[in-house]
């Protein structure tokens, strides 16, 4: 089990993770820290616990929306695989949907990156 020191909202935490997962855990901690920092900038000092809860809920909401969209696209792909004749007609719609989802993800990543630089 690996150990890693992460910093979130100015506080250092020692956390354990599987070997080789340190970089991923560090990236996730930076994402959470950036979200909290962005909210602190936006809302001011409203309390660490409240900011942490708001950041967690916001990240969960973003994850949920992306996850719902992925499920929709997977269902559409499965339906298209079941009806090969329909694929050419729907291929453009699937491509557009995937493009929209990618743009949305890129926008969220950019916002998080911008927040972490503040």
N, C-alpha and C. Protein backbone atom coordinates (compact mmCIF):
# COMPACT_ATOMS: atom_id res chain seq x y z
N UNK A 1 0.85 -1.17 0.00
CA UNK A 1 0.00 0.00 0.00
C UNK A 1 0.89 1.23 0.00
N UNK A 2 0.66 2.13 -0.93
CA UNK A 2 1.44 3.36 -1.03
C UNK A 2 0.82 4.45 -0.16
N UNK A 3 1.64 5.38 0.26
CA UNK A 3 1.20 6.53 1.05
C UNK A 3 1.49 7.79 0.24
N UNK A 4 0.59 8.76 0.34
CA UNK A 4 0.75 9.99 -0.40
C UNK A 4 0.24 11.15 0.45
N UNK A 5 0.97 12.25 0.41
CA UNK A 5 0.52 13.47 1.09
C UNK A 5 -0.16 14.34 0.04
N UNK A 6 -1.42 14.68 0.27
CA UNK A 6 -2.16 15.54 -0.64
C UNK A 6 -2.55 16.81 0.11
N UNK A 7 -2.72 17.89 -0.64
CA UNK A 7 -3.13 19.15 -0.03
C UNK A 7 -4.46 19.56 -0.64
N UNK A 8 -5.44 19.76 0.24
CA UNK A 8 -6.76 20.21 -0.17
C UNK A 8 -7.15 21.35 0.76
N UNK A 9 -7.49 22.48 0.15
CA UNK A 9 -7.91 23.66 0.90
C UNK A 9 -6.87 24.07 1.94
N UNK A 10 -5.59 23.96 1.56
CA UNK A 10 -4.52 24.39 2.44
C UNK A 10 -4.16 23.42 3.54
N UNK A 11 -4.80 22.28 3.58
CA UNK A 11 -4.51 21.29 4.62
C UNK A 11 -3.89 20.05 3.99
N UNK A 12 -2.88 19.52 4.65
CA UNK A 12 -2.19 18.33 4.14
C UNK A 12 -2.79 17.09 4.77
N UNK A 13 -3.07 16.11 3.93
CA UNK A 13 -3.63 14.83 4.39
C UNK A 13 -2.74 13.72 3.88
N UNK A 14 -2.49 12.75 4.73
CA UNK A 14 -1.77 11.54 4.31
C UNK A 14 -2.81 10.49 4.00
N UNK A 15 -2.76 9.97 2.78
CA UNK A 15 -3.73 8.97 2.37
C UNK A 15 -3.01 7.77 1.77
N UNK A 16 -3.68 6.64 1.84
CA UNK A 16 -3.13 5.40 1.29
C UNK A 16 -3.82 5.11 -0.03
N UNK A 17 -3.09 4.46 -0.91
CA UNK A 17 -3.66 4.02 -2.19
C UNK A 17 -2.88 2.80 -2.66
N UNK A 18 -3.41 2.15 -3.68
CA UNK A 18 -2.71 1.01 -4.26
C UNK A 18 -1.42 1.48 -4.91
N UNK A 19 -0.42 0.59 -4.95
CA UNK A 19 0.84 0.90 -5.62
C UNK A 19 0.56 1.29 -7.07
N UNK A 20 1.22 2.35 -7.51
CA UNK A 20 1.05 2.81 -8.89
C UNK A 20 -0.10 3.78 -9.08
N UNK A 21 -0.91 4.00 -8.07
CA UNK A 21 -2.06 4.90 -8.18
C UNK A 21 -1.78 6.29 -7.62
N UNK A 22 -0.55 6.54 -7.21
CA UNK A 22 -0.21 7.80 -6.58
C UNK A 22 -0.50 9.00 -7.49
N UNK A 23 -0.10 8.91 -8.74
CA UNK A 23 -0.30 10.04 -9.66
C UNK A 23 -1.79 10.32 -9.86
N UNK A 24 -2.56 9.27 -10.01
CA UNK A 24 -4.01 9.44 -10.19
C UNK A 24 -4.64 10.08 -8.96
N UNK A 25 -4.27 9.60 -7.79
CA UNK A 25 -4.80 10.17 -6.56
C UNK A 25 -4.39 11.63 -6.41
N UNK A 26 -3.15 11.94 -6.77
CA UNK A 26 -2.69 13.32 -6.73
C UNK A 26 -3.48 14.21 -7.67
N UNK A 27 -3.77 13.71 -8.88
CA UNK A 27 -4.57 14.46 -9.84
C UNK A 27 -5.98 14.70 -9.32
N UNK A 28 -6.57 13.68 -8.71
CA UNK A 28 -7.92 13.82 -8.17
C UNK A 28 -7.94 14.82 -7.01
N UNK A 29 -6.92 14.78 -6.18
CA UNK A 29 -6.83 15.73 -5.07
C UNK A 29 -6.72 17.15 -5.60
N UNK A 30 -5.96 17.35 -6.66
CA UNK A 30 -5.83 18.68 -7.27
C UNK A 30 -7.17 19.14 -7.83
N UNK A 31 -7.92 18.23 -8.42
CA UNK A 31 -9.24 18.56 -8.94
C UNK A 31 -10.16 19.05 -7.82
N UNK A 32 -10.16 18.33 -6.70
CA UNK A 32 -10.99 18.72 -5.55
C UNK A 32 -10.51 20.06 -5.00
N UNK A 33 -9.20 20.22 -4.87
CA UNK A 33 -8.64 21.46 -4.35
C UNK A 33 -9.00 22.63 -5.26
N UNK A 34 -8.94 22.43 -6.56
CA UNK A 34 -9.28 23.50 -7.51
C UNK A 34 -10.75 23.87 -7.42
N UNK A 35 -11.60 22.88 -7.24
CA UNK A 35 -13.03 23.15 -7.12
C UNK A 35 -13.30 23.97 -5.86
N UNK A 36 -12.69 23.58 -4.75
CA UNK A 36 -12.88 24.32 -3.50
C UNK A 36 -12.33 25.74 -3.65
N UNK A 37 -11.16 25.87 -4.24
CA UNK A 37 -10.54 27.18 -4.43
C UNK A 37 -11.43 28.08 -5.29
N UNK A 38 -11.97 27.51 -6.37
CA UNK A 38 -12.86 28.28 -7.23
C UNK A 38 -14.12 28.73 -6.50
N UNK A 39 -14.65 27.87 -5.67
CA UNK A 39 -15.84 28.23 -4.90
C UNK A 39 -15.52 29.28 -3.85
N UNK A 40 -14.34 29.17 -3.26
CA UNK A 40 -13.94 30.17 -2.26
C UNK A 40 -13.82 31.54 -2.93
N UNK A 41 -13.26 31.57 -4.13
CA UNK A 41 -13.15 32.82 -4.88
C UNK A 41 -14.54 33.36 -5.22
N UNK A 42 -15.41 32.48 -5.60
CA UNK A 42 -16.76 32.87 -6.03
C UNK A 42 -17.65 33.29 -4.86
N UNK A 43 -17.59 32.55 -3.75
CA UNK A 43 -18.52 32.79 -2.64
C UNK A 43 -17.89 33.46 -1.42
N UNK A 44 -16.57 33.56 -1.40
CA UNK A 44 -15.90 34.14 -0.25
C UNK A 44 -15.71 33.11 0.85
N UNK A 45 -15.35 33.57 1.99
CA UNK A 45 -15.12 32.68 3.13
C UNK A 45 -16.46 32.34 3.78
N UNK A 46 -16.97 31.17 3.45
CA UNK A 46 -18.26 30.72 4.02
C UNK A 46 -18.07 29.50 4.90
N UNK A 47 -16.84 29.18 5.18
CA UNK A 47 -16.54 28.03 6.04
C UNK A 47 -16.01 26.86 5.24
N UNK A 48 -14.95 26.26 5.76
CA UNK A 48 -14.30 25.14 5.05
C UNK A 48 -15.23 23.96 4.85
N UNK A 49 -15.98 23.62 5.87
CA UNK A 49 -16.86 22.46 5.75
C UNK A 49 -17.93 22.69 4.68
N UNK A 50 -18.51 23.87 4.67
CA UNK A 50 -19.55 24.19 3.69
C UNK A 50 -18.97 24.19 2.27
N UNK A 51 -17.78 24.79 2.10
CA UNK A 51 -17.13 24.78 0.79
C UNK A 51 -16.83 23.37 0.33
N UNK A 52 -16.35 22.53 1.24
CA UNK A 52 -16.04 21.14 0.90
C UNK A 52 -17.30 20.39 0.46
N UNK A 53 -18.39 20.59 1.19
CA UNK A 53 -19.64 19.92 0.83
C UNK A 53 -20.14 20.43 -0.52
N UNK A 54 -20.08 21.74 -0.74
CA UNK A 54 -20.53 22.30 -2.02
C UNK A 54 -19.68 21.77 -3.17
N UNK A 55 -18.37 21.68 -2.97
CA UNK A 55 -17.49 21.16 -4.01
C UNK A 55 -17.79 19.69 -4.29
N UNK A 56 -18.00 18.91 -3.24
CA UNK A 56 -18.31 17.49 -3.42
C UNK A 56 -19.62 17.31 -4.19
N UNK A 57 -20.62 18.09 -3.84
CA UNK A 57 -21.91 17.98 -4.53
C UNK A 57 -21.78 18.41 -5.98
N UNK A 58 -21.03 19.48 -6.23
CA UNK A 58 -20.83 19.95 -7.60
C UNK A 58 -20.10 18.91 -8.44
N UNK A 59 -19.03 18.33 -7.89
CA UNK A 59 -18.30 17.29 -8.62
C UNK A 59 -19.17 16.06 -8.85
N UNK A 60 -19.97 15.69 -7.85
CA UNK A 60 -20.86 14.54 -8.02
C UNK A 60 -21.90 14.82 -9.09
N UNK A 61 -22.41 16.04 -9.15
CA UNK A 61 -23.39 16.41 -10.17
C UNK A 61 -22.77 16.33 -11.56
N UNK A 62 -21.56 16.88 -11.72
CA UNK A 62 -20.87 16.82 -13.01
C UNK A 62 -20.63 15.38 -13.42
N UNK A 63 -20.16 14.56 -12.48
CA UNK A 63 -19.93 13.15 -12.76
C UNK A 63 -21.22 12.46 -13.17
N UNK A 64 -22.30 12.73 -12.45
CA UNK A 64 -23.58 12.10 -12.73
C UNK A 64 -24.08 12.44 -14.13
N UNK A 65 -23.96 13.72 -14.50
CA UNK A 65 -24.40 14.13 -15.83
C UNK A 65 -23.60 13.44 -16.93
N UNK A 66 -22.29 13.38 -16.76
CA UNK A 66 -21.44 12.72 -17.74
C UNK A 66 -21.75 11.22 -17.78
N UNK A 67 -21.93 10.62 -16.62
CA UNK A 67 -22.24 9.20 -16.55
C UNK A 67 -23.59 8.89 -17.22
N UNK A 68 -24.58 9.73 -16.99
CA UNK A 68 -25.89 9.54 -17.65
C UNK A 68 -25.74 9.61 -19.17
N UNK A 69 -24.95 10.57 -19.63
CA UNK A 69 -24.75 10.73 -21.08
C UNK A 69 -24.02 9.52 -21.66
N UNK A 70 -23.05 9.01 -20.94
CA UNK A 70 -22.32 7.82 -21.41
C UNK A 70 -23.29 6.64 -21.53
N UNK A 71 -24.15 6.46 -20.52
CA UNK A 71 -25.14 5.37 -20.59
C UNK A 71 -26.07 5.53 -21.78
N UNK A 72 -26.51 6.76 -22.04
CA UNK A 72 -27.37 7.01 -23.20
C UNK A 72 -26.66 6.63 -24.50
N UNK A 73 -25.41 7.05 -24.60
CA UNK A 73 -24.64 6.75 -25.81
C UNK A 73 -24.37 5.25 -25.95
N UNK A 74 -24.09 4.58 -24.84
CA UNK A 74 -23.89 3.14 -24.90
C UNK A 74 -25.16 2.43 -25.34
N UNK A 75 -26.30 2.88 -24.84
CA UNK A 75 -27.57 2.28 -25.24
C UNK A 75 -27.82 2.53 -26.72
N UNK A 76 -27.51 3.72 -27.19
CA UNK A 76 -27.70 4.04 -28.61
C UNK A 76 -26.78 3.19 -29.48
N UNK A 77 -25.55 3.01 -29.06
CA UNK A 77 -24.61 2.17 -29.80
C UNK A 77 -25.10 0.72 -29.84
N UNK A 78 -25.58 0.22 -28.70
CA UNK A 78 -26.10 -1.15 -28.65
C UNK A 78 -27.30 -1.30 -29.58
N UNK A 79 -28.16 -0.29 -29.59
CA UNK A 79 -29.33 -0.33 -30.47
C UNK A 79 -28.89 -0.33 -31.93
N UNK A 80 -27.90 0.49 -32.26
CA UNK A 80 -27.42 0.56 -33.63
C UNK A 80 -26.75 -0.75 -34.05
N UNK A 81 -26.03 -1.38 -33.13
CA UNK A 81 -25.40 -2.66 -33.44
C UNK A 81 -26.46 -3.73 -33.70
N UNK A 82 -27.59 -3.61 -33.02
CA UNK A 82 -28.68 -4.55 -33.21
C UNK A 82 -29.44 -4.34 -34.50
N UNK A 83 -29.32 -3.16 -35.07
CA UNK A 83 -29.99 -2.82 -36.33
C UNK A 83 -28.98 -2.19 -37.29
N UNK A 84 -28.13 -3.02 -37.90
CA UNK A 84 -27.07 -2.49 -38.75
C UNK A 84 -27.57 -1.60 -39.89
N UNK A 85 -28.75 -1.85 -40.39
CA UNK A 85 -29.27 -1.04 -41.49
C UNK A 85 -29.54 0.39 -41.03
N UNK A 86 -29.82 0.58 -39.76
CA UNK A 86 -30.12 1.91 -39.24
C UNK A 86 -28.85 2.71 -38.94
N UNK A 87 -27.72 2.03 -38.88
CA UNK A 87 -26.48 2.70 -38.48
C UNK A 87 -26.12 3.91 -39.33
N UNK A 88 -26.15 3.83 -40.64
CA UNK A 88 -25.76 5.01 -41.42
C UNK A 88 -26.65 6.23 -41.11
N UNK A 89 -27.93 5.99 -40.89
CA UNK A 89 -28.85 7.07 -40.60
C UNK A 89 -28.53 7.72 -39.25
N UNK A 90 -28.11 6.91 -38.28
CA UNK A 90 -27.88 7.41 -36.94
C UNK A 90 -26.42 7.73 -36.66
N UNK A 91 -25.54 7.35 -37.53
CA UNK A 91 -24.12 7.56 -37.29
C UNK A 91 -23.79 9.03 -37.04
N UNK A 92 -24.38 9.90 -37.82
CA UNK A 92 -24.12 11.34 -37.65
C UNK A 92 -24.62 11.83 -36.29
N UNK A 93 -25.79 11.36 -35.87
CA UNK A 93 -26.33 11.78 -34.56
C UNK A 93 -25.43 11.30 -33.42
N UNK A 94 -24.94 10.08 -33.53
CA UNK A 94 -24.05 9.56 -32.49
C UNK A 94 -22.75 10.37 -32.48
N UNK A 95 -22.23 10.67 -33.66
CA UNK A 95 -21.00 11.45 -33.74
C UNK A 95 -21.19 12.84 -33.12
N UNK A 96 -22.31 13.46 -33.41
CA UNK A 96 -22.60 14.78 -32.85
C UNK A 96 -22.74 14.68 -31.33
N UNK A 97 -23.44 13.66 -30.85
CA UNK A 97 -23.61 13.48 -29.41
C UNK A 97 -22.27 13.28 -28.71
N UNK A 98 -21.41 12.46 -29.30
CA UNK A 98 -20.09 12.24 -28.73
C UNK A 98 -19.27 13.53 -28.75
N UNK A 99 -19.38 14.28 -29.83
CA UNK A 99 -18.69 15.56 -29.92
C UNK A 99 -19.16 16.53 -28.85
N UNK A 100 -20.48 16.59 -28.65
CA UNK A 100 -21.04 17.47 -27.61
C UNK A 100 -20.55 17.07 -26.23
N UNK A 101 -20.55 15.76 -25.96
CA UNK A 101 -20.08 15.27 -24.66
C UNK A 101 -18.61 15.60 -24.48
N UNK A 102 -17.81 15.44 -25.51
CA UNK A 102 -16.38 15.76 -25.43
C UNK A 102 -16.16 17.24 -25.16
N UNK A 103 -16.94 18.09 -25.82
CA UNK A 103 -16.81 19.54 -25.59
C UNK A 103 -17.17 19.89 -24.16
N UNK A 104 -18.20 19.25 -23.65
CA UNK A 104 -18.63 19.52 -22.28
C UNK A 104 -17.55 19.11 -21.28
N UNK A 105 -16.97 17.94 -21.51
CA UNK A 105 -15.90 17.46 -20.64
C UNK A 105 -14.70 18.40 -20.73
N UNK A 106 -14.35 18.83 -21.94
CA UNK A 106 -13.23 19.76 -22.10
C UNK A 106 -13.50 21.08 -21.38
N UNK A 107 -14.74 21.56 -21.42
CA UNK A 107 -15.10 22.80 -20.75
C UNK A 107 -14.93 22.65 -19.23
N UNK A 108 -15.38 21.51 -18.68
CA UNK A 108 -15.24 21.27 -17.24
C UNK A 108 -13.77 21.21 -16.86
N UNK A 109 -12.97 20.51 -17.66
CA UNK A 109 -11.54 20.41 -17.39
C UNK A 109 -10.89 21.79 -17.44
N UNK A 110 -11.25 22.60 -18.43
CA UNK A 110 -10.69 23.95 -18.55
C UNK A 110 -11.06 24.80 -17.34
N UNK A 111 -12.32 24.71 -16.90
CA UNK A 111 -12.75 25.46 -15.72
C UNK A 111 -11.96 25.04 -14.49
N UNK A 112 -11.75 23.73 -14.35
CA UNK A 112 -10.97 23.24 -13.22
C UNK A 112 -9.53 23.69 -13.30
N UNK A 113 -8.96 23.65 -14.50
CA UNK A 113 -7.59 24.11 -14.67
C UNK A 113 -7.47 25.60 -14.37
N UNK A 114 -8.44 26.38 -14.85
CA UNK A 114 -8.44 27.82 -14.58
C UNK A 114 -8.56 28.08 -13.09
N UNK A 115 -9.41 27.32 -12.42
CA UNK A 115 -9.61 27.49 -10.98
C UNK A 115 -8.33 27.18 -10.20
N UNK A 116 -7.60 26.17 -10.67
CA UNK A 116 -6.41 25.76 -9.93
C UNK A 116 -5.27 26.76 -10.08
N UNK A 117 -5.33 27.60 -11.09
CA UNK A 117 -4.28 28.61 -11.31
C UNK A 117 -4.53 29.88 -10.53
N UNK A 118 -5.73 30.02 -9.98
CA UNK A 118 -6.08 31.25 -9.26
C UNK A 118 -5.48 31.27 -7.88
